[in-house]
Amino acid sequence: MDAVGDHMRQEESTMFAAIRNNLSSQESEQLATQFKSAKTRIQQKMGVVSQ
């Protein structure tokens, strides 16, 4: 659990900040839309979200 927590903190403090600082608003919005779509597909496959 500690390793997962460390990994999450690293992503939030460095990786996500770098992405946020290097994408245009349009690119950021497209990435968010793609992420939400992928998340929904995964949840549907797992039976978490009804189709």
PDB file of N, CA and C in Angstrom:
ATOM      1  N   MET A   1       0.832  -1.199   0.000  1.00  0.00           N
ATOM      2  CA  MET A   1       0.000   0.000   0.000  1.00  0.00           C
ATOM      3  C   MET A   1       0.870   1.254   0.000  1.00  0.00           C
ATOM      4  N   ASP A   2       1.981   1.201   0.717  1.00  0.00           N
ATOM      5  CA  ASP A   2       2.871   2.362   0.748  1.00  0.00           C
ATOM      6  C   ASP A   2       3.435   2.659  -0.641  1.00  0.00           C
ATOM      7  N   ALA A   3       3.795   1.613  -1.365  1.00  0.00           N
ATOM      8  CA  ALA A   3       4.356   1.792  -2.710  1.00  0.00           C
ATOM      9  C   ALA A   3       3.317   2.394  -3.647  1.00  0.00           C
ATOM     10  N   VAL A   4       2.073   1.955  -3.523  1.00  0.00           N
ATOM     11  CA  VAL A   4       1.002   2.498  -4.359  1.00  0.00           C
ATOM     12  C   VAL A   4       0.782   3.969  -4.010  1.00  0.00           C
ATOM     13  N   GLY A   5       0.749   4.283  -2.741  1.00  0.00           N
ATOM     14  CA  GLY A   5       0.583   5.664  -2.306  1.00  0.00           C
ATOM     15  C   GLY A   5       1.711   6.550  -2.808  1.00  0.00           C
ATOM     16  N   ASP A   6       2.945   6.059  -2.727  1.00  0.00           N
ATOM     17  CA  ASP A   6       4.093   6.818  -3.230  1.00  0.00           C
ATOM     18  C   ASP A   6       3.969   7.052  -4.735  1.00  0.00           C
ATOM     19  N   HIS A   7       3.561   6.030  -5.448  1.00  0.00           N
ATOM     20  CA  HIS A   7       3.395   6.140  -6.895  1.00  0.00           C
ATOM     21  C   HIS A   7       2.326   7.180  -7.246  1.00  0.00           C
ATOM     22  N   MET A   8       1.217   7.139  -6.542  1.00  0.00           N
ATOM     23  CA  MET A   8       0.139   8.104  -6.790  1.00  0.00           C
ATOM     24  C   MET A   8       0.604   9.528  -6.515  1.00  0.00           C
ATOM     25  N   ARG A   9       1.304   9.724  -5.422  1.00  0.00           N
ATOM     26  CA  ARG A   9       1.787  11.064  -5.086  1.00  0.00           C
ATOM     27  C   ARG A   9       2.768  11.571  -6.147  1.00  0.00           C
ATOM     28  N   GLN A  10       3.621  10.677  -6.628  1.00  0.00           N
ATOM     29  CA  GLN A  10       4.580  11.066  -7.663  1.00  0.00           C
ATOM     30  C   GLN A  10       3.842  11.486  -8.933  1.00  0.00           C
ATOM     31  N   GLU A  11       2.857  10.702  -9.338  1.00  0.00           N
ATOM     32  CA  GLU A  11       2.090  11.053 -10.530  1.00  0.00           C
ATOM     33  C   GLU A  11       1.405  12.400 -10.357  1.00  0.00           C
ATOM     34  N   GLU A  12       0.771  12.591  -9.222  1.00  0.00           N
ATOM     35  CA  GLU A  12       0.025  13.825  -8.996  1.00  0.00           C
ATOM     36  C   GLU A  12       0.935  15.041  -8.937  1.00  0.00           C
ATOM     37  N   SER A  13       2.117  14.896  -8.374  1.00  0.00           N
ATOM     38  CA  SER A  13       2.979  16.063  -8.195  1.00  0.00           C
ATOM     39  C   SER A  13       3.878  16.356  -9.385  1.00  0.00           C
ATOM     40  N   THR A  14       4.225  15.349 -10.171  1.00  0.00           N
ATOM     41  CA  THR A  14       5.147  15.597 -11.271  1.00  0.00           C
ATOM     42  C   THR A  14       4.539  15.317 -12.638  1.00  0.00           C
ATOM     43  N   MET A  15       4.078  14.112 -12.839  1.00  0.00           N
ATOM     44  CA  MET A  15       3.594  13.729 -14.162  1.00  0.00           C
ATOM     45  C   MET A  15       2.362  14.522 -14.578  1.00  0.00           C
ATOM     46  N   PHE A  16       1.356  14.592 -13.718  1.00  0.00           N
ATOM     47  CA  PHE A  16       0.140  15.309 -14.082  1.00  0.00           C
ATOM     48  C   PHE A  16       0.412  16.801 -14.240  1.00  0.00           C
ATOM     49  N   ALA A  17       1.273  17.345 -13.414  1.00  0.00           N
ATOM     50  CA  ALA A  17       1.626  18.763 -13.535  1.00  0.00           C
ATOM     51  C   ALA A  17       2.318  19.030 -14.864  1.00  0.00           C
ATOM     52  N   ALA A  18       3.223  18.150 -15.262  1.00  0.00           N
ATOM     53  CA  ALA A  18       3.931  18.306 -16.537  1.00  0.00           C
ATOM     54  C   ALA A  18       2.951  18.227 -17.704  1.00  0.00           C
ATOM     55  N   ILE A  19       2.032  17.295 -17.639  1.00  0.00           N
ATOM     56  CA  ILE A  19       1.029  17.172 -18.693  1.00  0.00           C
ATOM     57  C   ILE A  19       0.172  18.432 -18.739  1.00  0.00           C
ATOM     58  N   ARG A  20      -0.305  18.859 -17.597  1.00  0.00           N
ATOM     59  CA  ARG A  20      -1.161  20.038 -17.510  1.00  0.00           C
ATOM     60  C   ARG A  20      -0.454  21.276 -18.063  1.00  0.00           C
ATOM     61  N   ASN A  21       0.837  21.410 -17.784  1.00  0.00           N
ATOM     62  CA  ASN A  21       1.591  22.588 -18.209  1.00  0.00           C
ATOM     63  C   ASN A  21       1.977  22.556 -19.683  1.00  0.00           C
ATOM     64  N   ASN A  22       1.864  21.397 -20.335  1.00  0.00           N
ATOM     65  CA  ASN A  22       2.321  21.269 -21.712  1.00  0.00           C
ATOM     66  C   ASN A  22       1.212  20.983 -22.715  1.00  0.00           C
ATOM     67  N   LEU A  23      -0.019  20.973 -22.275  1.00  0.00           N
ATOM     68  CA  LEU A  23      -1.137  20.748 -23.186  1.00  0.00           C
ATOM     69  C   LEU A  23      -1.959  22.024 -23.313  1.00  0.00           C
ATOM     70  N   SER A  24      -2.492  22.237 -24.498  1.00  0.00           N
ATOM     71  CA  SER A  24      -3.425  23.344 -24.680  1.00  0.00           C
ATOM     72  C   SER A  24      -4.746  22.973 -23.997  1.00  0.00           C
ATOM     73  N   SER A  25      -5.614  23.925 -23.847  1.00  0.00           N
ATOM     74  CA  SER A  25      -6.927  23.649 -23.248  1.00  0.00           C
ATOM     75  C   SER A  25      -7.679  22.615 -24.069  1.00  0.00           C
ATOM     76  N   GLN A  26      -7.595  22.730 -25.382  1.00  0.00           N
ATOM     77  CA  GLN A  26      -8.280  21.784 -26.258  1.00  0.00           C
ATOM     78  C   GLN A  26      -7.691  20.386 -26.105  1.00  0.00           C
ATOM     79  N   GLU A  27      -6.368  20.272 -26.059  1.00  0.00           N
ATOM     80  CA  GLU A  27      -5.732  18.966 -25.892  1.00  0.00           C
ATOM     81  C   GLU A  27      -6.081  18.360 -24.541  1.00  0.00           C
ATOM     82  N   SER A  28      -6.114  19.182 -23.526  1.00  0.00           N
ATOM     83  CA  SER A  28      -6.465  18.711 -22.184  1.00  0.00           C
ATOM     84  C   SER A  28      -7.895  18.189 -22.152  1.00  0.00           C
ATOM     85  N   GLU A  29      -8.785  18.906 -22.810  1.00  0.00           N
ATOM     86  CA  GLU A  29     -10.186  18.489 -22.857  1.00  0.00           C
ATOM     87  C   GLU A  29     -10.330  17.178 -23.635  1.00  0.00           C
ATOM     88  N   GLN A  30      -9.602  17.036 -24.746  1.00  0.00           N
ATOM     89  CA  GLN A  30      -9.647  15.803 -25.520  1.00  0.00           C
ATOM     90  C   GLN A  30      -9.124  14.623 -24.699  1.00  0.00           C
ATOM     91  N   LEU A  31      -8.044  14.841 -23.979  1.00  0.00           N
ATOM     92  CA  LEU A  31      -7.474  13.778 -23.148  1.00  0.00           C
ATOM     93  C   LEU A  31      -8.459  13.354 -22.064  1.00  0.00           C
ATOM     94  N   ALA A  32      -9.113  14.326 -21.444  1.00  0.00           N
ATOM     95  CA  ALA A  32     -10.100  14.022 -20.399  1.00  0.00           C
ATOM     96  C   ALA A  32     -11.263  13.219 -20.976  1.00  0.00           C
ATOM     97  N   THR A  33     -11.723  13.596 -22.166  1.00  0.00           N
ATOM     98  CA  THR A  33     -12.825  12.876 -22.813  1.00  0.00           C
ATOM     99  C   THR A  33     -12.421  11.450 -23.133  1.00  0.00           C
ATOM    100  N   GLN A  34     -11.209  11.262 -23.649  1.00  0.00           N
ATOM    101  CA  GLN A  34     -10.723   9.921 -23.967  1.00  0.00           C
ATOM    102  C   GLN A  34     -10.583   9.080 -22.704  1.00  0.00           C
ATOM    103  N   PHE A  35     -10.096   9.683 -21.630  1.00  0.00           N
ATOM    104  CA  PHE A  35      -9.941   8.960 -20.366  1.00  0.00           C
ATOM    105  C   PHE A  35     -11.300   8.505 -19.837  1.00  0.00           C
ATOM    106  N   LYS A  36     -12.276   9.409 -19.853  1.00  0.00           N
ATOM    107  CA  LYS A  36     -13.606   9.074 -19.341  1.00  0.00           C
ATOM    108  C   LYS A  36     -14.231   7.947 -20.163  1.00  0.00           C
ATOM    109  N   SER A  37     -14.043   8.000 -21.477  1.00  0.00           N
ATOM    110  CA  SER A  37     -14.575   6.961 -22.349  1.00  0.00           C
ATOM    111  C   SER A  37     -13.925   5.608 -22.045  1.00  0.00           C
ATOM    112  N   ALA A  38     -12.613   5.607 -21.911  1.00  0.00           N
ATOM    113  CA  ALA A  38     -11.897   4.367 -21.603  1.00  0.00           C
ATOM    114  C   ALA A  38     -12.321   3.824 -20.240  1.00  0.00           C
ATOM    115  N   LYS A  39     -12.476   4.701 -19.275  1.00  0.00           N
ATOM    116  CA  LYS A  39     -12.893   4.283 -17.931  1.00  0.00           C
ATOM    117  C   LYS A  39     -14.280   3.643 -17.972  1.00  0.00           C
ATOM    118  N   THR A  40     -15.188   4.253 -18.720  1.00  0.00           N
ATOM    119  CA  THR A  40     -16.538   3.706 -18.835  1.00  0.00           C
ATOM    120  C   THR A  40     -16.520   2.333 -19.484  1.00  0.00           C
ATOM    121  N   ARG A  41     -15.725   2.166 -20.569  1.00  0.00           N
ATOM    122  CA  ARG A  41     -15.624   0.861 -21.237  1.00  0.00           C
ATOM    123  C   ARG A  41     -15.101  -0.201 -20.276  1.00  0.00           C
ATOM    124  N   ILE A  42     -14.087   0.125 -19.514  1.00  0.00           N
ATOM    125  CA  ILE A  42     -13.525  -0.828 -18.556  1.00  0.00           C
ATOM    126  C   ILE A  42     -14.545  -1.195 -17.489  1.00  0.00           C
ATOM    127  N   GLN A  43     -15.242  -0.179 -16.975  1.00  0.00           N
ATOM    128  CA  GLN A  43     -16.254  -0.442 -15.956  1.00  0.00           C
ATOM    129  C   GLN A  43     -17.381  -1.302 -16.499  1.00  0.00           C
ATOM    130  N   GLN A  44     -17.761  -1.080 -17.763  1.00  0.00           N
ATOM    131  CA  GLN A  44     -18.813  -1.900 -18.371  1.00  0.00           C
ATOM    132  C   GLN A  44     -18.352  -3.351 -18.500  1.00  0.00           C
ATOM    133  N   LYS A  45     -17.101  -3.540 -18.907  1.00  0.00           N
ATOM    134  CA  LYS A  45     -16.575  -4.907 -19.025  1.00  0.00           C
ATOM    135  C   LYS A  45     -16.535  -5.603 -17.677  1.00  0.00           C
ATOM    136  N   MET A  46     -16.300  -4.830 -16.614  1.00  0.00           N
ATOM    137  CA  MET A  46     -16.240  -5.405 -15.279  1.00  0.00           C
ATOM    138  C   MET A  46     -17.618  -5.545 -14.655  1.00  0.00           C
ATOM    139  N   GLY A  47     -18.634  -4.999 -15.314  1.00  0.00           N
ATOM    140  CA  GLY A  47     -19.989  -5.068 -14.790  1.00  0.00           C
ATOM    141  C   GLY A  47     -20.277  -4.033 -13.730  1.00  0.00           C
ATOM    142  N   VAL A  48     -19.435  -2.986 -13.642  1.00  0.00           N
ATOM    143  CA  VAL A  48     -19.620  -1.936 -12.643  1.00  0.00           C
ATOM    144  C   VAL A  48     -20.674  -0.942 -13.112  1.00  0.00           C
ATOM    145  N   VAL A  49     -20.723  -0.693 -14.429  1.00  0.00           N
ATOM    146  CA  VAL A  49     -21.671   0.253 -15.022  1.00  0.00           C
ATOM    147  C   VAL A  49     -22.538  -0.513 -15.996  1.00  0.00           C
ATOM    148  N   SER A  50     -23.840  -0.280 -15.924  1.00  0.00           N
ATOM    149  CA  SER A  50     -24.730  -0.977 -16.849  1.00  0.00           C
ATOM    150  C   SER A  50     -24.583  -0.395 -18.257  1.00  0.00           C
ATOM    151  N   GLN A  51     -24.776  -1.267 -19.239  1.00  0.00           N
ATOM    152  CA  GLN A  51     -24.624  -0.848 -20.635  1.00  0.00           C
ATOM    153  C   GLN A  51     -25.877  -0.318 -21.123  1.00  0.00           C
TER     154      GLN A  51
END
